[in-house]
Protein backbone atom coordinates (compact mmCIF):
# COMPACT_ATOMS: atom_id res chain seq x y z
CA ARG A 1 0.00 0.00 0.00
CA VAL A 2 2.83 2.40 0.87
CA GLY A 3 4.43 1.72 -2.51
CA GLY A 4 1.28 2.57 -4.43
CA GLU A 5 -0.44 5.31 -2.43
CA ASN A 6 2.03 8.16 -2.23
CA GLU A 7 3.02 11.34 -4.02
CA TRP A 8 6.69 10.48 -4.41
CA PRO A 9 8.38 10.82 -7.80
CA LYS A 10 8.26 7.57 -9.78
CA PRO A 11 10.00 5.23 -10.00
CA ILE A 12 10.73 5.34 -6.27
CA PRO A 13 14.45 4.99 -5.39
CA VAL A 14 15.07 2.34 -2.73
CA TYR A 15 18.46 2.50 -1.00
CA GLY A 16 20.29 -0.60 0.22
CA TYR A 17 20.45 -4.04 -1.38
CA ASP A 18 17.94 -6.91 -1.30
CA ASP A 19 19.85 -10.20 -1.65
CA THR A 20 17.45 -12.37 0.35
CA ASP A 21 16.28 -14.63 -2.51
CA PRO A 22 19.16 -15.78 -4.74
CA VAL A 23 18.34 -17.37 -8.11
CA LEU A 24 20.65 -18.40 -10.97
CA GLY A 25 23.45 -15.93 -10.33
CA GLY A 26 21.24 -13.10 -9.12
CA ASP A 27 18.63 -12.23 -6.51
CA MET A 28 14.90 -12.34 -7.12
CA PHE A 29 14.04 -8.92 -5.72
CA GLU A 30 17.38 -7.10 -5.77
CA ALA A 31 16.21 -4.46 -8.26
CA GLU A 32 13.07 -3.78 -6.15
CA THR A 33 10.90 -3.26 -9.27
CA ASN A 34 8.98 -6.50 -8.76
CA CYS A 35 8.63 -6.08 -4.99
CA VAL A 36 5.24 -4.39 -5.31
CA GLU A 37 2.36 -4.91 -7.71
CA GLU A 38 2.72 -1.39 -9.11
CA GLY A 39 6.29 -2.14 -10.29
CA ASN A 40 7.23 1.47 -9.59
CA MET A 41 10.48 1.09 -7.67
CA GLY A 42 14.18 0.81 -8.48
CA GLN A 43 17.30 0.35 -6.42
CA VAL A 44 20.22 2.55 -5.51
CA ALA A 45 22.67 -0.15 -4.39
CA THR A 46 24.23 1.31 -1.25
CA LYS A 47 24.78 -1.70 1.01
CA GLY A 48 28.09 -1.24 2.83
CA VAL A 49 28.38 2.48 1.97
CA ASN A 50 28.92 5.15 4.60
CA ASN A 51 29.25 8.95 4.79
CA LEU A 52 26.91 9.71 1.88
CA ALA A 53 25.25 12.44 3.91
CA TYR A 54 28.65 14.12 4.16
CA TRP A 55 29.73 13.64 0.54
CA GLY A 56 26.29 14.49 -0.80
CA GLY A 57 26.50 17.77 1.10
CA LYS A 58 29.46 18.76 -1.06
CA VAL A 59 27.19 19.42 -4.08
CA GLU A 60 26.50 23.06 -3.24
CA GLU A 61 30.03 23.61 -1.96
CA ASP A 62 31.63 22.33 -5.18
CA GLY A 63 29.20 23.97 -7.56
CA ASP A 64 27.99 22.48 -10.85
CA LEU A 65 29.83 19.43 -12.09
CA GLN A 66 31.55 19.73 -15.45
CA LEU A 67 31.53 16.22 -16.84
CA GLN A 68 32.90 15.77 -20.32
CA GLN A 69 33.69 12.49 -22.04
CA ASN A 70 36.73 11.85 -24.17
CA ASP A 71 36.25 12.42 -27.88
CA GLU A 72 35.15 9.39 -29.87
CA LYS A 73 36.91 9.27 -33.23
CA ASP A 74 34.65 8.67 -36.23
CA LEU A 75 35.15 5.21 -37.71
CA VAL A 76 34.21 3.68 -41.04
CA TYR A 77 32.73 0.20 -40.87
CA ASP A 78 34.99 -2.46 -42.34
CA PRO A 79 33.22 -5.80 -42.99
CA ASN A 80 36.53 -7.61 -42.54
CA LYS A 81 36.95 -6.48 -38.93
CA THR A 82 35.31 -7.51 -35.67
CA TYR A 83 34.27 -4.62 -33.44
CA VAL A 84 33.98 -5.05 -29.67
CA ALA A 85 33.39 -2.71 -26.74
CA LEU A 86 34.71 -3.84 -23.36
CA VAL A 87 32.23 -2.79 -20.66
CA VAL A 88 33.10 -2.92 -16.95
CA GLY A 89 29.92 -3.66 -15.03
CA ASP A 90 28.57 -3.17 -11.50
CA GLY A 91 28.69 0.63 -11.73
CA ASP A 92 25.15 0.79 -10.34
CA ASN A 93 26.60 -0.32 -7.00
CA ILE A 94 27.85 2.69 -5.04
CA ASN A 95 29.85 0.44 -2.75
CA MET A 96 31.74 -0.96 -5.74
CA LEU A 97 32.33 2.53 -7.14
CA LYS A 98 34.00 3.38 -3.83
CA GLY A 99 35.71 -0.01 -3.61
CA ARG A 100 36.37 -2.55 -6.35
CA ASN A 101 35.91 -0.23 -9.33
CA TYR A 102 38.01 2.41 -7.58
CA VAL A 103 40.87 -0.09 -7.19
CA TRP A 104 40.50 -1.20 -10.81
CA TRP A 105 40.47 2.45 -11.88
CA GLN A 106 43.75 3.18 -10.13
CA ALA A 107 45.34 0.12 -11.77
CA ARG A 108 43.99 1.20 -15.14
CA ARG A 109 45.56 4.65 -14.85
CA ARG A 110 48.90 3.09 -13.93
CA ARG A 111 48.68 0.75 -16.91
CA CYS A 112 47.91 3.58 -19.31
CA ALA A 113 50.95 5.50 -18.04
CA GLU A 114 53.36 2.61 -18.56
CA LYS A 115 56.33 3.13 -20.85
CA GLY A 116 57.66 0.65 -23.36
CA VAL A 117 54.30 -1.04 -24.02
CA ALA A 118 52.41 -0.74 -27.30
CA ASP A 119 49.54 1.76 -27.11
CA ASP A 120 46.90 -0.77 -28.14
CA LEU A 121 47.96 -3.11 -25.33
CA ARG A 122 48.40 -0.65 -22.45
CA CYS A 123 45.61 1.88 -23.06
CA PHE A 124 42.90 0.54 -25.36
CA PRO A 125 39.34 1.97 -25.18
CA LEU A 126 37.57 0.83 -22.02
CA VAL A 127 33.95 1.53 -21.06
CA TRP A 128 32.90 1.84 -17.42
CA THR A 129 29.35 1.78 -16.06
CA ILE A 130 28.80 4.53 -13.50
CA SER A 131 25.73 5.55 -11.53
CA SER A 132 24.19 8.94 -12.19
CA GLN A 133 23.19 8.88 -8.51
CA LEU A 134 26.73 10.06 -7.76
CA VAL A 135 25.73 13.52 -8.98
CA GLU A 136 23.82 13.91 -5.72
CA LEU A 137 25.41 11.26 -3.48
CA HIS A 138 29.13 11.72 -4.14
CA PRO A 139 29.93 14.36 -6.79
CA ARG A 140 33.63 14.45 -5.92
CA LEU A 141 34.00 10.74 -6.65
CA LEU A 142 32.22 11.20 -9.97
CA GLN A 143 34.52 14.10 -10.84
CA TYR A 144 37.53 11.96 -9.89
CA TYR A 145 36.57 9.29 -12.42
CA TYR A 146 36.01 11.81 -15.21
CA GLU A 147 39.26 13.63 -14.52
CA GLY A 148 41.12 10.32 -14.62
CA ALA A 149 39.53 9.50 -17.97
CA LYS A 150 40.91 12.74 -19.37
CA GLU A 151 44.38 11.59 -18.32
CA THR A 152 44.14 8.27 -20.15
CA GLY A 153 42.20 9.62 -23.13
CA LYS A 154 40.71 6.15 -23.71
CA ASP A 155 38.18 5.65 -20.92
CA TYR A 156 34.45 6.25 -21.30
CA PHE A 157 31.36 6.10 -19.09
CA ILE A 158 27.84 4.83 -19.64
CA LEU A 159 24.85 4.32 -17.35
CA PRO A 160 24.61 0.97 -15.51
CA PRO A 161 21.60 -1.37 -15.43
CA SER A 162 19.03 -0.15 -16.06
CA GLY A 163 19.76 3.54 -16.43
CA SER A 164 19.23 5.88 -13.49
CA LEU A 165 18.19 3.08 -11.13
CA TYR A 166 18.88 -0.63 -10.97
CA SER A 167 15.48 -1.71 -12.22
CA TYR A 168 13.44 -3.71 -14.73
CA PRO A 169 11.67 -0.88 -16.57
CA SER A 170 9.19 -2.91 -18.65
CA MET A 171 7.50 -3.94 -15.38
CA MET A 172 6.59 -0.32 -14.73
CA SER A 173 3.27 1.22 -15.74
CA ASP A 174 3.08 3.21 -18.97
CA SER A 175 3.21 6.57 -17.21
CA VAL A 176 6.15 5.55 -15.00
CA GLN A 177 8.01 4.13 -18.01
CA GLU A 178 7.69 7.41 -19.87
CA GLU A 179 8.82 9.44 -16.87
CA TYR A 180 11.72 7.07 -16.31
CA ALA A 181 12.79 7.38 -19.95
CA ARG A 182 12.83 11.16 -19.52
CA THR A 183 14.96 10.82 -16.39
CA ILE A 184 17.46 8.62 -18.22
CA VAL A 185 17.69 11.08 -21.11
CA SER A 186 18.39 13.82 -18.56
CA ASP A 187 21.09 11.65 -16.98
CA PHE A 188 22.59 10.99 -20.40
CA ALA A 189 23.06 14.73 -20.75
CA ALA A 190 24.41 15.16 -17.21
CA LEU A 191 27.04 12.43 -17.69
CA ASP A 192 27.76 13.36 -21.33
CA THR A 193 26.88 9.88 -22.61
CA ARG A 194 24.24 8.26 -24.80
CA CYS A 195 24.48 4.63 -23.72
CA SER A 196 23.27 2.43 -20.90
CA VAL A 197 23.28 -1.19 -19.80
CA HIS A 198 19.74 -2.58 -19.61
CA TRP A 199 18.39 -5.61 -17.74
CA GLU A 200 14.97 -7.26 -17.92
CA TRP A 201 13.49 -10.55 -16.75
CA PHE A 202 13.58 -13.15 -19.53
CA TYR A 203 9.81 -12.99 -20.07
CA SER A 204 9.70 -9.19 -20.38
CA TRP A 205 11.35 -8.50 -23.75
CA GLY A 206 8.72 -9.66 -26.25
CA GLY A 207 4.98 -9.28 -26.76
CA GLU A 208 2.82 -6.18 -27.07
CA LYS A 209 3.77 -4.96 -23.59
CA GLY A 210 7.39 -6.09 -23.67
CA ALA A 211 10.43 -3.86 -23.55
CA LEU A 212 11.14 -4.08 -27.29
CA ALA A 213 7.64 -2.98 -28.28
CA THR A 214 6.77 -0.47 -25.57
CA TYR A 215 9.66 0.73 -23.39
CA PHE A 216 12.50 1.38 -25.83
CA PRO A 217 10.38 3.24 -28.42
CA ARG A 218 9.58 5.80 -25.71
CA PHE A 219 13.12 7.13 -26.02
CA SER A 220 12.59 8.14 -29.63
CA ALA A 221 9.62 10.19 -28.47
CA VAL A 222 11.18 11.87 -25.41
CA ALA A 223 14.83 12.26 -26.44
CA GLY A 224 14.35 14.58 -29.40
CA PRO A 225 16.75 14.72 -32.35
CA GLY A 226 20.40 13.78 -31.96
CA ASP A 227 22.88 10.93 -32.12
CA ALA A 228 21.60 7.39 -31.78
CA LEU A 229 21.32 5.90 -28.29
CA GLY A 230 22.86 2.55 -27.33
CA PHE A 231 21.59 -0.08 -24.89
CA PHE A 232 23.68 -3.09 -23.86
CA LEU A 233 21.21 -5.80 -22.89
CA THR A 234 21.43 -8.54 -20.26
CA ASN A 235 18.78 -11.14 -19.62
CA VAL A 236 17.65 -12.08 -16.11
CA PRO A 237 18.65 -14.79 -15.31
CA TYR A 238 21.67 -14.19 -17.51
CA PRO A 239 22.17 -17.80 -18.82
CA ILE A 240 18.88 -17.63 -20.74
CA PRO A 241 19.22 -16.12 -24.23
CA ILE A 242 16.82 -13.39 -25.32
CA GLU A 243 14.68 -15.35 -27.76
CA GLN A 244 13.84 -12.26 -29.80
CA PHE A 245 17.43 -12.22 -31.10
CA ASP A 246 18.35 -14.62 -33.88
CA SER A 247 21.63 -16.47 -33.44
CA SER A 248 23.17 -14.41 -36.26
CA GLU A 249 22.07 -11.03 -34.83
CA ASP A 250 24.52 -8.81 -32.96
CA PHE A 251 22.01 -6.02 -32.40
CA LYS A 252 18.58 -4.64 -33.19
CA ILE A 253 17.76 -1.11 -34.30
CA ILE A 254 14.64 0.76 -33.28
CA ALA A 255 13.96 3.73 -35.55
CA PRO A 256 10.24 4.57 -35.63
CA SER A 257 10.70 7.29 -38.26
CA PRO A 258 13.53 8.95 -40.21
CA ASP A 259 13.16 12.05 -38.02
CA SER A 260 13.27 10.27 -34.64
CA ARG A 261 16.35 9.29 -32.72
CA ALA A 262 17.46 5.73 -33.44
CA LEU A 263 18.25 3.18 -30.74
CA VAL A 264 20.72 0.32 -31.04
CA LEU A 265 20.07 -2.65 -28.74
CA PHE A 266 23.05 -4.98 -28.40
CA LYS A 267 22.54 -8.68 -27.78
CA PRO A 268 23.81 -9.88 -24.39
CA HIS A 269 27.39 -11.07 -24.06
CA VAL A 270 28.23 -11.60 -20.41
CA TRP A 271 31.63 -12.41 -18.91
CA ARG A 272 31.12 -13.04 -15.21
CA GLY A 273 34.73 -13.92 -14.54
CA THR A 274 37.51 -16.46 -14.73
CA ASP A 275 36.78 -18.78 -11.80
CA THR A 276 35.81 -22.22 -13.15
CA SER A 277 36.53 -24.09 -9.93
CA ASN A 278 33.20 -25.94 -9.87
CA ALA A 279 31.40 -28.09 -12.45
CA GLU A 280 28.55 -25.61 -12.91
CA ARG A 281 30.91 -22.86 -13.98
CA VAL A 282 32.95 -25.14 -16.23
CA LEU A 283 29.82 -25.64 -18.34
CA ASP A 284 28.84 -21.96 -18.28
CA PRO A 285 30.39 -19.92 -21.13
CA ALA A 286 30.03 -16.76 -19.03
CA TYR A 287 32.88 -18.10 -16.87
CA SER A 288 35.95 -18.18 -19.08
CA SER A 289 39.66 -17.64 -18.93
CA PRO A 290 40.87 -14.59 -20.86
CA ALA A 291 42.33 -16.88 -23.52
CA ARG A 292 39.06 -18.78 -23.92
CA MET A 293 37.06 -15.55 -24.16
CA ALA A 294 39.55 -14.21 -26.72
CA ASP A 295 39.13 -17.38 -28.78
CA LYS A 296 35.39 -16.74 -28.81
CA ILE A 297 35.84 -13.17 -30.05
CA ASN A 298 38.50 -14.16 -32.57
CA GLY A 299 36.14 -16.82 -33.93
CA LEU A 300 33.23 -14.47 -34.63
CA PRO A 301 32.26 -13.94 -38.28
CA PRO A 302 34.02 -10.97 -39.92
CA GLY A 303 31.98 -7.79 -39.57
CA SER A 304 30.59 -8.71 -36.13
CA VAL A 305 29.63 -5.80 -33.87
CA THR A 306 29.46 -6.84 -30.22
CA HIS A 307 30.49 -6.15 -26.65
CA ILE A 308 31.62 -7.94 -23.50
CA TYR A 309 29.90 -7.03 -20.22
CA LEU A 310 32.33 -7.91 -17.42
CA THR A 311 31.46 -8.36 -13.76
CA SER A 312 33.76 -9.49 -10.96
CA ASP A 313 31.50 -11.94 -9.12
CA GLY A 314 33.21 -14.80 -10.96
CA GLY A 315 36.75 -13.87 -10.05
CA ALA A 316 37.62 -11.37 -12.78
CA THR A 317 40.06 -8.51 -12.21
CA ILE A 318 41.31 -5.62 -14.30
CA ASP A 319 44.21 -7.91 -15.23
CA SER A 320 41.68 -10.27 -16.81
CA VAL A 321 40.78 -7.52 -19.27
CA TYR A 322 44.41 -6.92 -20.17
CA ASN A 323 45.10 -10.64 -20.53
CA LEU A 324 42.13 -10.86 -22.89
CA VAL A 325 43.31 -8.00 -25.06
CA VAL A 326 46.76 -9.56 -25.54
CA GLU A 327 45.09 -12.64 -27.05
CA LEU A 328 42.84 -10.80 -29.54
CA GLY A 329 43.62 -11.10 -33.23
CA GLU A 330 44.63 -8.23 -35.51
CA GLU A 331 41.17 -8.21 -37.08
CA VAL A 332 39.56 -7.33 -33.73
CA MET A 333 39.12 -3.61 -33.06
CA ILE A 334 38.32 -2.42 -29.54
CA VAL A 335 36.03 0.62 -29.57
CA SER A 336 34.07 2.86 -27.21
CA ALA A 337 30.34 2.43 -26.60
CA GLY A 338 29.43 5.38 -28.83
CA GLN A 339 31.68 4.11 -31.61
CA LEU A 340 30.02 0.69 -31.40
CA VAL A 341 26.61 2.33 -31.80
CA ASP A 342 27.75 4.24 -34.88
CA ILE A 343 29.43 1.18 -36.42
CA ALA A 344 26.21 -0.82 -35.92
CA LEU A 345 24.23 1.85 -37.75
CA GLN A 346 26.70 1.81 -40.62
CA LYS A 347 26.56 -1.98 -40.84
CA ALA A 348 22.76 -1.82 -40.95
CA GLY A 349 22.77 0.99 -43.51
CA VAL A 350 20.79 3.34 -41.26
């Protein structure tokens, strides 16, 4: 009743982390969206985080944030190449942004500053998910990440799952979906990005009320003209493929009209880590050594346009990313999220 009968902005942000009901590599109610019948909630993952009242109070003291991404060089699609964006996940989790991702970020900056290593092996394009909630909760940490990206020149940021809140947006009512799409577009502008990771339950993609038919087209209506938007999809639970994608499809394009903003939806490609210490993980392609994952990318058909969404819950580290890159063939080109979107449009002739 409290979730439905209130005047709070929708979707309602819920702070903390609900990991009480684990299922197939995730937790049944961790995104909060399906906790109430109205489906009007999303999570700000803050379990284990302290001092947000202090850091959030620095907003007025610091003034407006000036967040600017690195330039993304225009590329021309080559059907003989394989294009891949490497996306570091878990940026919706504020605790990880202060912890694991922070440690990875420091290691990344050291790697990019190394001497005597080829540029494409020490400082290749790398995409990081990062929560727009930091604008209010911890602006100095957000500024730290962006300033570091300017130093490397090859790091980029996108919104985490699923946009402004960890949520399953197609479960929301029509009015909440539209408002949420507007919020995400606003956060795109605030973080100087046009891409987001997006999660939905496996049964929520298709059909007349599914995400592909109802939620994503809302962006073309609310975003106005401009560059195409990109969404990197993950199914929940992740081992189940999204049946609306054919085996040969790398992405789908939603472009309701020539005058509306196009959306590129990338088929899931999850790398949960390198730990294959039990039989279940040995059989799960999401748990792979860097060499095995590189073999998979190297074996894709020429002209493929894809990404890898990396999380650390399976033992991955920033070194795993570097060990992967060393094994990639010459035909594989690592790109930013925005570049992947533009290459997909070129491949599709849009």
